[in-house]
Structure formats: C-alpha cells, structure tokens
Amino acid sequence: GAGKTTLFNCVTGLVPPDTGTVTFDGRDIAGWRPERITQA
C-alpha cells in the first residue's frame, strides 16, 4: 500500500498522474501514451 506499483503505472503511462513531472532521458514524459514511452 506504499504506492510502488501506482508509481510504476504513472511513470510508464498506464495511469496518468494528477500532478507532478516525470522526466526521462531529459524529456518530460508525464501524460505520454505507454507505447510512446516504450519507444523512448
């Protein structure tokens, strides 16, 4: 219940975060679709 899997889901685009930023390899990917994140 700590939120670990929810964090994974938000980072990888399965669930959009309500607020906050997710920067991967220099790009903010918060809100991207899962397939686009995988391609990145």
Full PDB file with SEQRES, HELIX, SHEET, SSBOND, CRYST1, ORIGX, SCALE, CONECT and MASTER records, all heavy atoms in Angstrom:
SEQRES   1 A   40  GLY ALA GLY LYS THR THR LEU PHE ASN CYS VAL THR GLY          
SEQRES   2 A   40  LEU VAL PRO PRO ASP THR GLY THR VAL THR PHE ASP GLY          
SEQRES   3 A   40  ARG ASP ILE ALA GLY TRP ARG PRO GLU ARG ILE THR GLN          
SEQRES   4 A   40  ALA                                                          
HELIX    1 AA1 LYS A    4  VAL A   11  1                                   8    
HELIX    2 AA2 PRO A   34  GLN A   39  1                                   6    
SHEET    1 AA1 2 THR A  23  PHE A  24  0                                        
SHEET    2 AA1 2 ARG A  27  ASP A  28 -1                                        
CRYST1    1.000    1.000    1.000  90.00  90.00  90.00 P 1           1          
ORIGX1      1.000000  0.000000  0.000000        0.00000                         
ORIGX2      0.000000  1.000000  0.000000        0.00000                         
ORIGX3      0.000000  0.000000  1.000000        0.00000                         
SCALE1      1.000000  0.000000  0.000000        0.00000                         
SCALE2      0.000000  1.000000  0.000000        0.00000                         
SCALE3      0.000000  0.000000  1.000000        0.00000                         
ATOM      1  N   GLY A   1       0.794  -1.222   0.000  1.00  0.00           N  
ATOM      2  CA  GLY A   1       0.000   0.000   0.000  1.00  0.00           C  
ATOM      3  C   GLY A   1       0.827   1.273   0.000  1.00  0.00           C  
ATOM      4  O   GLY A   1       0.281   2.377   0.082  1.00  0.00           O  
ATOM      5  N   ALA A   2       2.159   1.148  -0.145  1.00  0.00           N  
ATOM      6  CA  ALA A   2       3.018   2.333  -0.119  1.00  0.00           C  
ATOM      7  C   ALA A   2       2.903   3.164  -1.392  1.00  0.00           C  
ATOM      8  O   ALA A   2       3.299   4.324  -1.413  1.00  0.00           O  
ATOM      9  CB  ALA A   2       4.471   1.924   0.106  1.00  0.00           C  
ATOM     10  N   GLY A   3       2.403   2.540  -2.487  1.00  0.00           N  
ATOM     11  CA  GLY A   3       2.249   3.267  -3.741  1.00  0.00           C  
ATOM     12  C   GLY A   3       3.267   2.908  -4.804  1.00  0.00           C  
ATOM     13  O   GLY A   3       3.354   3.566  -5.842  1.00  0.00           O  
ATOM     14  N   LYS A   4       3.997   1.826  -4.580  1.00  0.00           N  
ATOM     15  CA  LYS A   4       5.088   1.473  -5.500  1.00  0.00           C  
ATOM     16  C   LYS A   4       4.570   1.133  -6.905  1.00  0.00           C  
ATOM     17  O   LYS A   4       5.074   1.655  -7.905  1.00  0.00           O  
ATOM     18  CB  LYS A   4       5.876   0.277  -4.933  1.00  0.00           C  
ATOM     19  CG  LYS A   4       6.437   0.521  -3.540  1.00  0.00           C  
ATOM     20  CD  LYS A   4       7.242  -0.658  -3.039  1.00  0.00           C  
ATOM     21  CE  LYS A   4       6.426  -1.933  -2.863  1.00  0.00           C  
ATOM     22  NZ  LYS A   4       5.382  -1.806  -1.825  1.00  0.00           N  
ATOM     23  N   THR A   5       3.585   0.250  -6.989  1.00  0.00           N  
ATOM     24  CA  THR A   5       3.071  -0.131  -8.305  1.00  0.00           C  
ATOM     25  C   THR A   5       2.323   1.026  -8.964  1.00  0.00           C  
ATOM     26  O   THR A   5       2.403   1.210 -10.185  1.00  0.00           O  
ATOM     27  CB  THR A   5       2.171  -1.373  -8.192  1.00  0.00           C  
ATOM     28  OG1 THR A   5       2.953  -2.477  -7.721  1.00  0.00           O  
ATOM     29  CG2 THR A   5       1.566  -1.743  -9.538  1.00  0.00           C  
ATOM     30  N   THR A   6       1.621   1.832  -8.170  1.00  0.00           N  
ATOM     31  CA  THR A   6       0.978   3.027  -8.734  1.00  0.00           C  
ATOM     32  C   THR A   6       2.026   3.962  -9.329  1.00  0.00           C  
ATOM     33  O   THR A   6       1.820   4.543 -10.402  1.00  0.00           O  
ATOM     34  CB  THR A   6       0.167   3.769  -7.659  1.00  0.00           C  
ATOM     35  OG1 THR A   6      -0.847   2.893  -7.142  1.00  0.00           O  
ATOM     36  CG2 THR A   6      -0.494   5.006  -8.241  1.00  0.00           C  
ATOM     37  N   LEU A   7       3.154   4.085  -8.660  1.00  0.00           N  
ATOM     38  CA  LEU A   7       4.241   4.895  -9.203  1.00  0.00           C  
ATOM     39  C   LEU A   7       4.697   4.346 -10.549  1.00  0.00           C  
ATOM     40  O   LEU A   7       4.850   5.100 -11.523  1.00  0.00           O  
ATOM     41  CB  LEU A   7       5.408   4.920  -8.226  1.00  0.00           C  
ATOM     42  CG  LEU A   7       6.666   5.643  -8.715  1.00  0.00           C  
ATOM     43  CD1 LEU A   7       6.407   7.136  -8.876  1.00  0.00           C  
ATOM     44  CD2 LEU A   7       7.838   5.399  -7.777  1.00  0.00           C  
ATOM     45  N   PHE A   8       4.921   3.024 -10.632  1.00  0.00           N  
ATOM     46  CA  PHE A   8       5.285   2.407 -11.907  1.00  0.00           C  
ATOM     47  C   PHE A   8       4.248   2.718 -12.973  1.00  0.00           C  
ATOM     48  O   PHE A   8       4.581   3.040 -14.116  1.00  0.00           O  
ATOM     49  CB  PHE A   8       5.426   0.899 -11.735  1.00  0.00           C  
ATOM     50  CG  PHE A   8       6.803   0.425 -11.352  1.00  0.00           C  
ATOM     51  CD1 PHE A   8       7.685   1.259 -10.693  1.00  0.00           C  
ATOM     52  CD2 PHE A   8       7.214  -0.861 -11.652  1.00  0.00           C  
ATOM     53  CE1 PHE A   8       8.960   0.829 -10.346  1.00  0.00           C  
ATOM     54  CE2 PHE A   8       8.481  -1.312 -11.310  1.00  0.00           C  
ATOM     55  CZ  PHE A   8       9.360  -0.465 -10.657  1.00  0.00           C  
ATOM     56  N   ASN A   9       2.974   2.580 -12.614  1.00  0.00           N  
ATOM     57  CA  ASN A   9       1.902   2.799 -13.590  1.00  0.00           C  
ATOM     58  C   ASN A   9       1.881   4.242 -14.100  1.00  0.00           C  
ATOM     59  O   ASN A   9       1.658   4.484 -15.294  1.00  0.00           O  
ATOM     60  CB  ASN A   9       0.551   2.448 -12.976  1.00  0.00           C  
ATOM     61  CG  ASN A   9       0.371   0.958 -12.762  1.00  0.00           C  
ATOM     62  OD1 ASN A   9       1.074   0.135 -13.354  1.00  0.00           O  
ATOM     63  ND2 ASN A   9      -0.568   0.591 -11.902  1.00  0.00           N  
ATOM     64  N   CYS A  10       2.143   5.191 -13.212  1.00  0.00           N  
ATOM     65  CA  CYS A  10       2.159   6.596 -13.629  1.00  0.00           C  
ATOM     66  C   CYS A  10       3.384   6.907 -14.490  1.00  0.00           C  
ATOM     67  O   CYS A  10       3.292   7.628 -15.482  1.00  0.00           O  
ATOM     68  CB  CYS A  10       2.132   7.506 -12.408  1.00  0.00           C  
ATOM     69  SG  CYS A  10       0.534   7.576 -11.554  1.00  0.00           S  
ATOM     70  N   VAL A  11       4.526   6.368 -14.102  1.00  0.00           N  
ATOM     71  CA  VAL A  11       5.754   6.635 -14.849  1.00  0.00           C  
ATOM     72  C   VAL A  11       5.676   6.070 -16.263  1.00  0.00           C  
ATOM     73  O   VAL A  11       6.163   6.682 -17.215  1.00  0.00           O  
ATOM     74  CB  VAL A  11       6.968   6.056 -14.087  1.00  0.00           C  
ATOM     75  CG1 VAL A  11       8.210   6.036 -14.972  1.00  0.00           C  
ATOM     76  CG2 VAL A  11       7.238   6.877 -12.827  1.00  0.00           C  
ATOM     77  N   THR A  12       5.040   4.897 -16.414  1.00  0.00           N  
ATOM     78  CA  THR A  12       5.018   4.222 -17.721  1.00  0.00           C  
ATOM     79  C   THR A  12       3.756   4.507 -18.526  1.00  0.00           C  
ATOM     80  O   THR A  12       3.550   3.901 -19.569  1.00  0.00           O  
ATOM     81  CB  THR A  12       5.179   2.711 -17.544  1.00  0.00           C  
ATOM     82  OG1 THR A  12       4.156   2.207 -16.667  1.00  0.00           O  
ATOM     83  CG2 THR A  12       6.541   2.375 -16.957  1.00  0.00           C  
ATOM     84  N   GLY A  13       2.905   5.428 -18.061  1.00  0.00           N  
ATOM     85  CA  GLY A  13       1.786   5.876 -18.858  1.00  0.00           C  
ATOM     86  C   GLY A  13       0.516   5.052 -18.749  1.00  0.00           C  
ATOM     87  O   GLY A  13      -0.473   5.362 -19.421  1.00  0.00           O  
ATOM     88  N   LEU A  14       0.514   4.019 -17.912  1.00  0.00           N  
ATOM     89  CA  LEU A  14      -0.716   3.235 -17.765  1.00  0.00           C  
ATOM     90  C   LEU A  14      -1.791   4.017 -17.023  1.00  0.00           C  
ATOM     91  O   LEU A  14      -2.983   3.850 -17.271  1.00  0.00           O  
ATOM     92  CB  LEU A  14      -0.430   1.914 -17.029  1.00  0.00           C  
ATOM     93  CG  LEU A  14       0.409   0.893 -17.787  1.00  0.00           C  
ATOM     94  CD1 LEU A  14       0.644  -0.340 -16.919  1.00  0.00           C  
ATOM     95  CD2 LEU A  14      -0.282   0.482 -19.088  1.00  0.00           C  
ATOM     96  N   VAL A  15      -1.354   4.865 -16.103  1.00  0.00           N  
ATOM     97  CA  VAL A  15      -2.265   5.715 -15.335  1.00  0.00           C  
ATOM     98  C   VAL A  15      -1.690   7.124 -15.352  1.00  0.00           C  
ATOM     99  O   VAL A  15      -0.518   7.306 -14.993  1.00  0.00           O  
ATOM    100  CB  VAL A  15      -2.394   5.228 -13.874  1.00  0.00           C  
ATOM    101  CG1 VAL A  15      -3.255   6.191 -13.063  1.00  0.00           C  
ATOM    102  CG2 VAL A  15      -2.980   3.823 -13.820  1.00  0.00           C  
ATOM    103  N   PRO A  16      -2.452   8.129 -15.759  1.00  0.00           N  
ATOM    104  CA  PRO A  16      -1.898   9.485 -15.766  1.00  0.00           C  
ATOM    105  C   PRO A  16      -1.805  10.042 -14.347  1.00  0.00           C  
ATOM    106  O   PRO A  16      -2.715   9.857 -13.536  1.00  0.00           O  
ATOM    107  CB  PRO A  16      -2.911  10.284 -16.603  1.00  0.00           C  
ATOM    108  CG  PRO A  16      -4.203   9.529 -16.430  1.00  0.00           C  
ATOM    109  CD  PRO A  16      -3.827   8.086 -16.299  1.00  0.00           C  
ATOM    110  N   PRO A  17      -0.709  10.712 -14.006  1.00  0.00           N  
ATOM    111  CA  PRO A  17      -0.641  11.364 -12.694  1.00  0.00           C  
ATOM    112  C   PRO A  17      -1.579  12.566 -12.640  1.00  0.00           C  
ATOM    113  O   PRO A  17      -1.888  13.168 -13.674  1.00  0.00           O  
ATOM    114  CB  PRO A  17       0.821  11.800 -12.598  1.00  0.00           C  
ATOM    115  CG  PRO A  17       1.266  11.966 -14.019  1.00  0.00           C  
ATOM    116  CD  PRO A  17       0.507  10.930 -14.808  1.00  0.00           C  
ATOM    117  N   ASP A  18      -2.021  12.905 -11.438  1.00  0.00           N  
ATOM    118  CA  ASP A  18      -2.845  14.101 -11.284  1.00  0.00           C  
ATOM    119  C   ASP A  18      -1.995  15.356 -11.416  1.00  0.00           C  
ATOM    120  O   ASP A  18      -2.382  16.315 -12.092  1.00  0.00           O  
ATOM    121  CB  ASP A  18      -3.549  14.083  -9.922  1.00  0.00           C  
ATOM    122  CG  ASP A  18      -4.561  12.950  -9.809  1.00  0.00           C  
ATOM    123  OD1 ASP A  18      -5.158  12.592 -10.841  1.00  0.00           O  
ATOM    124  OD2 ASP A  18      -4.747  12.421  -8.699  1.00  0.00           O  
ATOM    125  N   THR A  19      -0.841  15.355 -10.774  1.00  0.00           N  
ATOM    126  CA  THR A  19       0.101  16.470 -10.883  1.00  0.00           C  
ATOM    127  C   THR A  19       1.516  15.911 -10.755  1.00  0.00           C  
ATOM    128  O   THR A  19       1.716  14.782 -10.315  1.00  0.00           O  
ATOM    129  CB  THR A  19      -0.118  17.532  -9.779  1.00  0.00           C  
ATOM    130  OG1 THR A  19       0.050  16.918  -8.491  1.00  0.00           O  
ATOM    131  CG2 THR A  19      -1.497  18.155  -9.872  1.00  0.00           C  
ATOM    132  N   GLY A  20       2.487  16.731 -11.116  1.00  0.00           N  
ATOM    133  CA  GLY A  20       3.881  16.344 -10.995  1.00  0.00           C  
ATOM    134  C   GLY A  20       4.532  16.141 -12.349  1.00  0.00           C  
ATOM    135  O   GLY A  20       3.871  16.175 -13.399  1.00  0.00           O  
ATOM    136  N   THR A  21       5.840  15.935 -12.325  1.00  0.00           N  
ATOM    137  CA  THR A  21       6.602  15.729 -13.552  1.00  0.00           C  
ATOM    138  C   THR A  21       7.334  14.403 -13.507  1.00  0.00           C  
ATOM    139  O   THR A  21       7.746  13.930 -12.444  1.00  0.00           O  
ATOM    140  CB  THR A  21       7.637  16.852 -13.766  1.00  0.00           C  
ATOM    141  OG1 THR A  21       8.576  16.861 -12.684  1.00  0.00           O  
ATOM    142  CG2 THR A  21       6.964  18.209 -13.871  1.00  0.00           C  
ATOM    143  N   VAL A  22       7.456  13.802 -14.689  1.00  0.00           N  
ATOM    144  CA  VAL A  22       8.235  12.583 -14.874  1.00  0.00           C  
ATOM    145  C   VAL A  22       9.196  12.869 -16.021  1.00  0.00           C  
ATOM    146  O   VAL A  22       8.787  12.924 -17.184  1.00  0.00           O  
ATOM    147  CB  VAL A  22       7.352  11.369 -15.204  1.00  0.00           C  
ATOM    148  CG1 VAL A  22       8.217  10.124 -15.389  1.00  0.00           C  
ATOM    149  CG2 VAL A  22       6.309  11.136 -14.116  1.00  0.00           C  
ATOM    150  N   THR A  23      10.465  13.055 -15.701  1.00  0.00           N  
ATOM    151  CA  THR A  23      11.462  13.371 -16.715  1.00  0.00           C  
ATOM    152  C   THR A  23      12.312  12.137 -16.966  1.00  0.00           C  
ATOM    153  O   THR A  23      12.929  11.598 -16.042  1.00  0.00           O  
ATOM    154  CB  THR A  23      12.359  14.545 -16.272  1.00  0.00           C  
ATOM    155  OG1 THR A  23      11.539  15.658 -15.952  1.00  0.00           O  
ATOM    156  CG2 THR A  23      13.335  14.921 -17.376  1.00  0.00           C  
ATOM    157  N   PHE A  24      12.318  11.690 -18.222  1.00  0.00           N  
ATOM    158  CA  PHE A  24      13.115  10.532 -18.606  1.00  0.00           C  
ATOM    159  C   PHE A  24      14.057  10.924 -19.730  1.00  0.00           C  
ATOM    160  O   PHE A  24      13.621  11.431 -20.763  1.00  0.00           O  
ATOM    161  CB  PHE A  24      12.218   9.374 -19.052  1.00  0.00           C  
ATOM    162  CG  PHE A  24      12.981   8.212 -19.626  1.00  0.00           C  
ATOM    163  CD1 PHE A  24      13.819   7.452 -18.826  1.00  0.00           C  
ATOM    164  CD2 PHE A  24      12.894   7.893 -20.983  1.00  0.00           C  
ATOM    165  CE1 PHE A  24      14.554   6.403 -19.358  1.00  0.00           C  
ATOM    166  CE2 PHE A  24      13.609   6.840 -21.516  1.00  0.00           C  
ATOM    167  CZ  PHE A  24      14.452   6.091 -20.700  1.00  0.00           C  
ATOM    168  N   ASP A  25      15.333  10.697 -19.511  1.00  0.00           N  
ATOM    169  CA  ASP A  25      16.354  10.980 -20.521  1.00  0.00           C  
ATOM    170  C   ASP A  25      16.224  12.412 -21.036  1.00  0.00           C  
ATOM    171  O   ASP A  25      16.343  12.672 -22.237  1.00  0.00           O  
ATOM    172  CB  ASP A  25      16.231   9.976 -21.667  1.00  0.00           C  
ATOM    173  CG  ASP A  25      17.506   9.839 -22.478  1.00  0.00           C  
ATOM    174  OD1 ASP A  25      18.572  10.211 -21.958  1.00  0.00           O  
ATOM    175  OD2 ASP A  25      17.438   9.374 -23.641  1.00  0.00           O  
ATOM    176  N   GLY A  26      15.926  13.340 -20.112  1.00  0.00           N  
ATOM    177  CA  GLY A  26      15.870  14.752 -20.453  1.00  0.00           C  
ATOM    178  C   GLY A  26      14.544  15.266 -20.969  1.00  0.00           C  
ATOM    179  O   GLY A  26      14.419  16.457 -21.260  1.00  0.00           O  
ATOM    180  N   ARG A  27      13.517  14.400 -21.072  1.00  0.00           N  
ATOM    181  CA  ARG A  27      12.210  14.827 -21.590  1.00  0.00           C  
ATOM    182  C   ARG A  27      11.117  14.552 -20.569  1.00  0.00           C  
ATOM    183  O   ARG A  27      11.116  13.503 -19.933  1.00  0.00           O  
ATOM    184  CB  ARG A  27      11.883  14.105 -22.898  1.00  0.00           C  
ATOM    185  CG  ARG A  27      12.776  14.497 -24.061  1.00  0.00           C  
ATOM    186  CD  ARG A  27      12.341  13.810 -25.343  1.00  0.00           C  
ATOM    187  NE  ARG A  27      12.683  12.394 -25.343  1.00  0.00           N  
ATOM    188  CZ  ARG A  27      12.379  11.552 -26.326  1.00  0.00           C  
ATOM    189  NH1 ARG A  27      11.701  11.994 -27.382  1.00  0.00           N  
ATOM    190  NH2 ARG A  27      12.745  10.291 -26.262  1.00  0.00           N  
ATOM    191  N   ASP A  28      10.187  15.492 -20.432  1.00  0.00           N  
ATOM    192  CA  ASP A  28       9.056  15.295 -19.540  1.00  0.00           C  
ATOM    193  C   ASP A  28       8.050  14.380 -20.235  1.00  0.00           C  
ATOM    194  O   ASP A  28       7.436  14.758 -21.236  1.00  0.00           O  
ATOM    195  CB  ASP A  28       8.400  16.639 -19.199  1.00  0.00           C  
ATOM    196  CG  ASP A  28       7.288  16.496 -18.154  1.00  0.00           C  
ATOM    197  OD1 ASP A  28       7.000  15.360 -17.734  1.00  0.00           O  
ATOM    198  OD2 ASP A  28       6.715  17.529 -17.762  1.00  0.00           O  
ATOM    199  N   ILE A  29       7.870  13.169 -19.720  1.00  0.00           N  
ATOM    200  CA  ILE A  29       7.019  12.174 -20.367  1.00  0.00           C  
ATOM    201  C   ILE A  29       5.683  12.004 -19.650  1.00  0.00           C  
ATOM    202  O   ILE A  29       4.891  11.133 -20.033  1.00  0.00           O  
ATOM    203  CB  ILE A  29       7.727  10.803 -20.457  1.00  0.00           C  
ATOM    204  CG1 ILE A  29       8.028  10.249 -19.062  1.00  0.00           C  
ATOM    205  CG2 ILE A  29       9.009  10.925 -21.290  1.00  0.00           C  
ATOM    206  CD1 ILE A  29       8.523   8.819 -19.068  1.00  0.00           C  
ATOM    207  N   ALA A  30       5.408  12.806 -18.623  1.00  0.00           N  
ATOM    208  CA  ALA A  30       4.139  12.689 -17.908  1.00  0.00           C  
ATOM    209  C   ALA A  30       2.986  12.903 -18.881  1.00  0.00           C  
ATOM    210  O   ALA A  30       2.943  13.889 -19.610  1.00  0.00           O  
ATOM    211  CB  ALA A  30       4.071  13.703 -16.766  1.00  0.00           C  
ATOM    212  N   GLY A  31       2.062  11.954 -18.909  1.00  0.00           N  
ATOM    213  CA  GLY A  31       0.915  12.045 -19.799  1.00  0.00           C  
ATOM    214  C   GLY A  31       1.116  11.405 -21.158  1.00  0.00           C  
ATOM    215  O   GLY A  31       0.170  11.313 -21.945  1.00  0.00           O  
ATOM    216  N   TRP A  32       2.339  10.947 -21.475  1.00  0.00           N  
ATOM    217  CA  TRP A  32       2.551  10.243 -22.735  1.00  0.00           C  
ATOM    218  C   TRP A  32       1.844   8.894 -22.722  1.00  0.00           C  
ATOM    219  O   TRP A  32       1.647   8.290 -21.669  1.00  0.00           O  
ATOM    220  CB  TRP A  32       4.042   9.997 -22.955  1.00  0.00           C  
ATOM    221  CG  TRP A  32       4.846  11.176 -23.365  1.00  0.00           C  
ATOM    222  CD1 TRP A  32       4.518  12.491 -23.230  1.00  0.00           C  
ATOM    223  CD2 TRP A  32       6.159  11.139 -23.943  1.00  0.00           C  
ATOM    224  NE1 TRP A  32       5.543  13.284 -23.705  1.00  0.00           N  
ATOM    225  CE2 TRP A  32       6.555  12.486 -24.144  1.00  0.00           C  
ATOM    226  CE3 TRP A  32       7.023  10.114 -24.312  1.00  0.00           C  
ATOM    227  CZ2 TRP A  32       7.788  12.814 -24.701  1.00  0.00           C  
ATOM    228  CZ3 TRP A  32       8.257  10.445 -24.856  1.00  0.00           C  
ATOM    229  CH2 TRP A  32       8.631  11.781 -25.057  1.00  0.00           C  
ATOM    230  N   ARG A  33       1.501   8.410 -23.905  1.00  0.00           N  
ATOM    231  CA  ARG A  33       0.920   7.081 -24.028  1.00  0.00           C  
ATOM    232  C   ARG A  33       2.001   6.018 -23.794  1.00  0.00           C  
ATOM    233  O   ARG A  33       3.184   6.244 -24.073  1.00  0.00           O  
ATOM    234  CB  ARG A  33       0.289   6.893 -25.409  1.00  0.00           C  
ATOM    235  CG  ARG A  33      -0.945   7.771 -25.631  1.00  0.00           C  
ATOM    236  CD  ARG A  33      -1.519   7.530 -27.021  1.00  0.00           C  
ATOM    237  NE  ARG A  33      -1.915   6.144 -27.202  1.00  0.00           N  
ATOM    238  CZ  ARG A  33      -3.080   5.628 -26.796  1.00  0.00           C  
ATOM    239  NH1 ARG A  33      -3.942   6.403 -26.171  1.00  0.00           N  
ATOM    240  NH2 ARG A  33      -3.368   4.367 -27.009  1.00  0.00           N  
ATOM    241  N   PRO A  34       1.613   4.839 -23.274  1.00  0.00           N  
ATOM    242  CA  PRO A  34       2.605   3.809 -22.944  1.00  0.00           C  
ATOM    243  C   PRO A  34       3.513   3.428 -24.106  1.00  0.00           C  
ATOM    244  O   PRO A  34       4.714   3.245 -23.924  1.00  0.00           O  
ATOM    245  CB  PRO A  34       1.742   2.627 -22.493  1.00  0.00           C  
ATOM    246  CG  PRO A  34       0.491   3.245 -21.981  1.00  0.00           C  
ATOM    247  CD  PRO A  34       0.253   4.446 -22.840  1.00  0.00           C  
ATOM    248  N   GLU A  35       2.953   3.319 -25.323  1.00  0.00           N  
ATOM    249  CA  GLU A  35       3.776   2.892 -26.448  1.00  0.00           C  
ATOM    250  C   GLU A  35       4.833   3.944 -26.803  1.00  0.00           C  
ATOM    251  O   GLU A  35       5.948   3.611 -27.210  1.00  0.00           O  
ATOM    252  CB  GLU A  35       2.926   2.561 -27.673  1.00  0.00           C  
ATOM    253  CG  GLU A  35       2.114   3.708 -28.250  1.00  0.00           C  
ATOM    254  CD  GLU A  35       0.721   3.827 -27.647  1.00  0.00           C  
ATOM    255  OE1 GLU A  35       0.510   3.320 -26.531  1.00  0.00           O  
ATOM    256  OE2 GLU A  35      -0.150   4.432 -28.307  1.00  0.00           O  
ATOM    257  N   ARG A  36       4.500   5.214 -26.614  1.00  0.00           N  
ATOM    258  CA  ARG A  36       5.476   6.268 -26.885  1.00  0.00           C  
ATOM    259  C   ARG A  36       6.602   6.236 -25.843  1.00  0.00           C  
ATOM    260  O   ARG A  36       7.781   6.452 -26.177  1.00  0.00           O  
ATOM    261  CB  ARG A  36       4.789   7.632 -26.884  1.00  0.00           C  
ATOM    262  CG  ARG A  36       5.699   8.775 -27.304  1.00  0.00           C  
ATOM    263  CD  ARG A  36       4.973  10.112 -27.271  1.00  0.00           C  
ATOM    264  NE  ARG A  36       5.876  11.209 -27.588  1.00  0.00           N  
ATOM    265  CZ  ARG A  36       5.597  12.496 -27.378  1.00  0.00           C  
ATOM    266  NH1 ARG A  36       4.415  12.846 -26.847  1.00  0.00           N  
ATOM    267  NH2 ARG A  36       6.475  13.436 -27.685  1.00  0.00           N  
ATOM    268  N   ILE A  37       6.251   5.961 -24.608  1.00  0.00           N  
ATOM    269  CA  ILE A  37       7.251   5.856 -23.548  1.00  0.00           C  
ATOM    270  C   ILE A  37       8.174   4.670 -23.811  1.00  0.00           C  
ATOM    271  O   ILE A  37       9.396   4.761 -23.648  1.00  0.00           O  
ATOM    272  CB  ILE A  37       6.564   5.745 -22.171  1.00  0.00           C  
ATOM    273  CG1 ILE A  37       5.836   7.055 -21.852  1.00  0.00           C  
ATOM    274  CG2 ILE A  37       7.563   5.396 -21.080  1.00  0.00           C  
ATOM    275  CD1 ILE A  37       4.992   7.015 -20.592  1.00  0.00           C  
ATOM    276  N   THR A  38       7.589   3.551 -24.238  1.00  0.00           N  
ATOM    277  CA  THR A  38       8.410   2.383 -24.577  1.00  0.00           C  
ATOM    278  C   THR A  38       9.371   2.703 -25.711  1.00  0.00           C  
ATOM    279  O   THR A  38      10.554   2.341 -25.671  1.00  0.00           O  
ATOM    280  CB  THR A  38       7.509   1.197 -24.963  1.00  0.00           C  
ATOM    281  OG1 THR A  38       6.709   0.822 -23.835  1.00  0.00           O  
ATOM    282  CG2 THR A  38       8.335   0.003 -25.405  1.00  0.00           C  
ATOM    283  N   GLN A  39       8.878   3.383 -26.730  1.00  0.00           N  
ATOM    284  CA  GLN A  39       9.739   3.749 -27.860  1.00  0.00           C  
ATOM    285  C   GLN A  39      10.869   4.673 -27.437  1.00  0.00           C  
ATOM    286  O   GLN A  39      11.945   4.668 -28.046  1.00  0.00           O  
ATOM    287  CB  GLN A  39       8.898   4.396 -28.957  1.00  0.00           C  
ATOM    288  CG  GLN A  39       7.969   3.432 -29.670  1.00  0.00           C  
ATOM    289  CD  GLN A  39       6.910   4.136 -30.513  1.00  0.00           C  
ATOM    290  OE1 GLN A  39       6.883   5.365 -30.599  1.00  0.00           O  
ATOM    291  NE2 GLN A  39       6.035   3.360 -31.138  1.00  0.00           N  
ATOM    292  N   ALA A  40      10.649   5.450 -26.373  1.00  0.00           N  
ATOM    293  CA  ALA A  40      11.689   6.355 -25.875  1.00  0.00           C  
ATOM    294  C   ALA A  40      12.763   5.612 -25.092  1.00  0.00           C  
ATOM    295  O   ALA A  40      13.817   6.183 -24.795  1.00  0.00           O  
ATOM    296  CB  ALA A  40      11.061   7.433 -25.001  1.00  0.00           C  
TER     297      ALA A  40                                                      
MASTER        0    0    0    2    2    0    0    6  296    1    0    4          
END                                                                             
